[in-house]
Amino acid sequence: MSTPSAGGIPEPGEPLGEAAPDPVDLWSSFKRAHELVRARVIADTAEAAGLSEPDLTILVNLAKAGGSLRQSQLAASLGWDRTRISHQLTRMGKRDLVARERAGGTSVTVTLTDAGRETIAAVQPGLYAAVRRHFTDKLSAREIETLSAVLRRL
C-alpha cells in the first residue's frame, strides 16, 4: 500500500485515502478561497487606484513581460477569448494605459504606454502587500511550494 508523500499530500496517481475530501467539496473550497482572496486583493488595490480587475490583470501581465506582448499571447496567458481581450484593450486604450500596433500580417502587439507604466508602478506595492496579507501570509513556506507546484500542473 502506498503512503502519501511528505506533508500528507498524495502525489499524482497515489490513492487519496479514506479521509480525503470529496472531489466536489474540494473544488467548492478552491472556488470559495479563490473568490474571497480575489475580491479582497482587488478591493485593496485595483478599486483604490480606479482600475477594474481586468485592467489590473492586463497591466500586471504586460509589466511582467517587459511592457509588451502579442495580443494573442496576452489573451492566451489570461485564458480570455479574442473578443473579450479586444474590448478590454479598446477601453484601456481610450484611457491611454495601453497602445496596440499591427506588427505585420494579423499580429497585434500590445504595449504599456507611459501612463500605463506609471499606473502599474504606483499600484504594485499595494498589490504585493494585499497578496501577502490576504493569501501568502496565511500559508507556510511548504504550503506555498506545494500549492505552486499543484497550480503549475493544472
Protein backbone atom coordinates (compact mmCIF):
# COMPACT_ATOMS: atom_id res chain seq x y z
CA MET A 1 0.00 0.00 0.00
CA SER A 2 1.31 3.42 -0.96
CA THR A 3 1.62 6.16 1.63
CA PRO A 4 1.12 9.82 0.86
CA SER A 5 4.21 11.91 0.25
CA ALA A 6 5.67 14.15 2.95
CA GLY A 7 3.11 16.66 4.19
CA GLY A 8 0.23 14.23 3.70
CA ILE A 9 -0.44 15.33 0.11
CA PRO A 10 -0.69 12.40 -2.29
CA GLU A 11 1.41 12.51 -5.43
CA PRO A 12 -0.47 12.25 -8.76
CA GLY A 13 -1.70 8.70 -9.12
CA GLU A 14 -1.40 7.90 -5.39
CA PRO A 15 -4.58 6.72 -3.66
CA LEU A 16 -6.27 9.50 -1.73
CA GLY A 17 -7.01 7.50 1.40
CA GLU A 18 -10.14 7.28 3.47
CA ALA A 19 -10.04 10.82 4.91
CA ALA A 20 -9.68 12.55 1.53
CA PRO A 21 -12.29 15.21 0.81
CA ASP A 22 -14.98 14.60 -1.74
CA PRO A 23 -13.70 15.97 -5.09
CA VAL A 24 -16.68 18.30 -5.47
CA ASP A 25 -16.20 19.59 -1.91
CA LEU A 26 -12.53 20.22 -2.67
CA TRP A 27 -13.42 22.06 -5.88
CA SER A 28 -16.02 24.13 -3.99
CA SER A 29 -13.45 25.03 -1.33
CA PHE A 30 -10.96 26.02 -4.04
CA LYS A 31 -13.57 28.22 -5.75
CA ARG A 32 -14.58 29.87 -2.46
CA ALA A 33 -10.98 30.57 -1.47
CA HIS A 34 -10.23 31.97 -4.93
CA GLU A 35 -13.23 34.29 -4.86
CA LEU A 36 -12.52 35.54 -1.34
CA VAL A 37 -8.83 36.22 -1.96
CA ARG A 38 -9.53 37.74 -5.40
CA ALA A 39 -12.20 40.09 -4.06
CA ARG A 40 -10.05 41.22 -1.13
CA VAL A 41 -6.95 41.82 -3.24
CA ILE A 42 -8.95 43.72 -5.87
CA ALA A 43 -10.70 45.82 -3.22
CA ASP A 44 -7.35 46.74 -1.68
CA THR A 45 -5.57 47.58 -4.94
CA ALA A 46 -7.45 47.93 -8.20
CA GLU A 47 -10.51 49.72 -6.86
CA ALA A 48 -8.34 52.06 -4.78
CA ALA A 49 -6.42 53.01 -7.94
CA GLY A 50 -9.53 53.43 -10.10
CA LEU A 51 -8.82 50.27 -12.08
CA SER A 52 -11.07 47.36 -12.87
CA GLU A 53 -9.88 43.83 -12.20
CA PRO A 54 -9.34 43.23 -15.95
CA ASP A 55 -7.32 46.49 -16.15
CA LEU A 56 -5.08 45.34 -13.32
CA THR A 57 -4.71 41.85 -14.75
CA ILE A 58 -3.59 43.16 -18.13
CA LEU A 59 -1.24 45.76 -16.66
CA VAL A 60 0.40 43.16 -14.41
CA ASN A 61 0.85 40.70 -17.30
CA LEU A 62 2.30 43.33 -19.62
CA ALA A 63 4.68 44.60 -16.93
CA LYS A 64 5.78 41.02 -16.20
CA ALA A 65 6.52 40.56 -19.92
CA GLY A 66 8.69 43.68 -20.09
CA GLY A 67 5.99 46.04 -21.31
CA SER A 68 4.64 44.41 -24.45
CA LEU A 69 3.14 41.19 -25.77
CA ARG A 70 1.38 40.00 -28.86
CA GLN A 71 -2.34 40.36 -28.27
CA SER A 72 -2.86 36.64 -28.88
CA GLN A 73 -0.19 35.76 -26.28
CA LEU A 74 -1.78 38.10 -23.76
CA ALA A 75 -5.21 36.57 -24.35
CA ALA A 76 -3.83 33.03 -24.03
CA SER A 77 -1.98 33.84 -20.80
CA LEU A 78 -5.23 35.14 -19.30
CA GLY A 79 -7.47 32.41 -20.71
CA TRP A 80 -9.56 35.06 -22.47
CA ASP A 81 -11.14 34.86 -25.91
CA ARG A 82 -10.30 37.30 -28.73
CA THR A 83 -13.45 39.36 -28.30
CA ARG A 84 -13.01 39.90 -24.58
CA ILE A 85 -9.36 40.95 -24.85
CA SER A 86 -10.10 43.24 -27.78
CA HIS A 87 -12.93 45.07 -25.99
CA GLN A 88 -10.89 45.42 -22.80
CA LEU A 89 -7.85 46.75 -24.66
CA THR A 90 -10.05 49.25 -26.51
CA ARG A 91 -11.33 50.58 -23.16
CA MET A 92 -7.80 50.74 -21.76
CA GLY A 93 -6.50 52.41 -24.92
CA LYS A 94 -9.09 55.18 -24.55
CA ARG A 95 -7.63 55.83 -21.08
CA ASP A 96 -4.07 55.78 -22.52
CA LEU A 97 -2.97 52.77 -20.43
CA VAL A 98 -2.03 50.62 -23.45
CA ALA A 99 -1.39 51.03 -27.15
CA ARG A 100 -1.91 48.48 -29.92
CA GLU A 101 0.05 48.30 -33.12
CA ARG A 102 -0.21 45.96 -36.09
CA ALA A 103 3.04 44.06 -36.40
CA GLY A 104 2.57 42.77 -39.93
CA GLY A 105 0.00 40.28 -41.09
CA THR A 106 -2.64 39.67 -38.47
CA SER A 107 -0.37 40.06 -35.42
CA VAL A 108 -1.11 42.91 -32.99
CA THR A 109 1.36 44.00 -30.32
CA VAL A 110 0.03 45.46 -27.07
CA THR A 111 2.36 47.85 -25.25
CA LEU A 112 2.16 49.70 -21.96
CA THR A 113 2.08 53.45 -22.50
CA ASP A 114 3.93 55.82 -20.18
CA ALA A 115 0.66 56.29 -18.28
CA GLY A 116 0.22 52.51 -18.08
CA ARG A 117 3.77 52.09 -16.73
CA GLU A 118 3.19 54.81 -14.15
CA THR A 119 -0.11 53.25 -13.13
CA ILE A 120 1.28 49.75 -12.62
CA ALA A 121 4.35 51.14 -10.82
CA ALA A 122 2.06 53.03 -8.42
CA VAL A 123 -0.21 50.01 -7.85
CA GLN A 124 2.42 47.27 -7.46
CA PRO A 125 3.50 47.96 -3.87
CA GLY A 126 -0.13 47.82 -2.69
CA LEU A 127 -0.78 44.75 -4.84
CA TYR A 128 2.15 42.86 -3.33
CA ALA A 129 1.07 43.88 0.18
CA ALA A 130 -2.54 42.81 -0.46
CA VAL A 131 -1.48 39.45 -1.93
CA ARG A 132 0.72 38.83 1.11
CA ARG A 133 -1.97 39.95 3.59
CA HIS A 134 -4.86 38.01 2.07
CA PHE A 135 -3.01 35.00 0.66
CA THR A 136 0.63 34.09 1.15
CA ASP A 137 0.97 35.21 4.79
CA LYS A 138 -1.74 32.66 5.63
CA LEU A 139 0.39 29.79 4.26
CA SER A 140 3.62 28.18 5.36
CA ALA A 141 6.60 28.12 3.02
CA ARG A 142 5.95 24.42 2.42
CA GLU A 143 2.27 25.08 1.59
CA ILE A 144 3.24 27.83 -0.85
CA GLU A 145 5.71 25.48 -2.53
CA THR A 146 3.13 22.70 -2.75
CA LEU A 147 0.36 24.99 -3.99
CA SER A 148 2.64 26.47 -6.62
CA ALA A 149 3.53 23.01 -7.89
CA VAL A 150 -0.13 21.96 -7.98
CA LEU A 151 -1.24 25.07 -9.84
CA ARG A 152 1.54 24.73 -12.44
CA ARG A 153 0.42 21.14 -13.03
CA LEU A 154 -3.19 22.19 -13.66
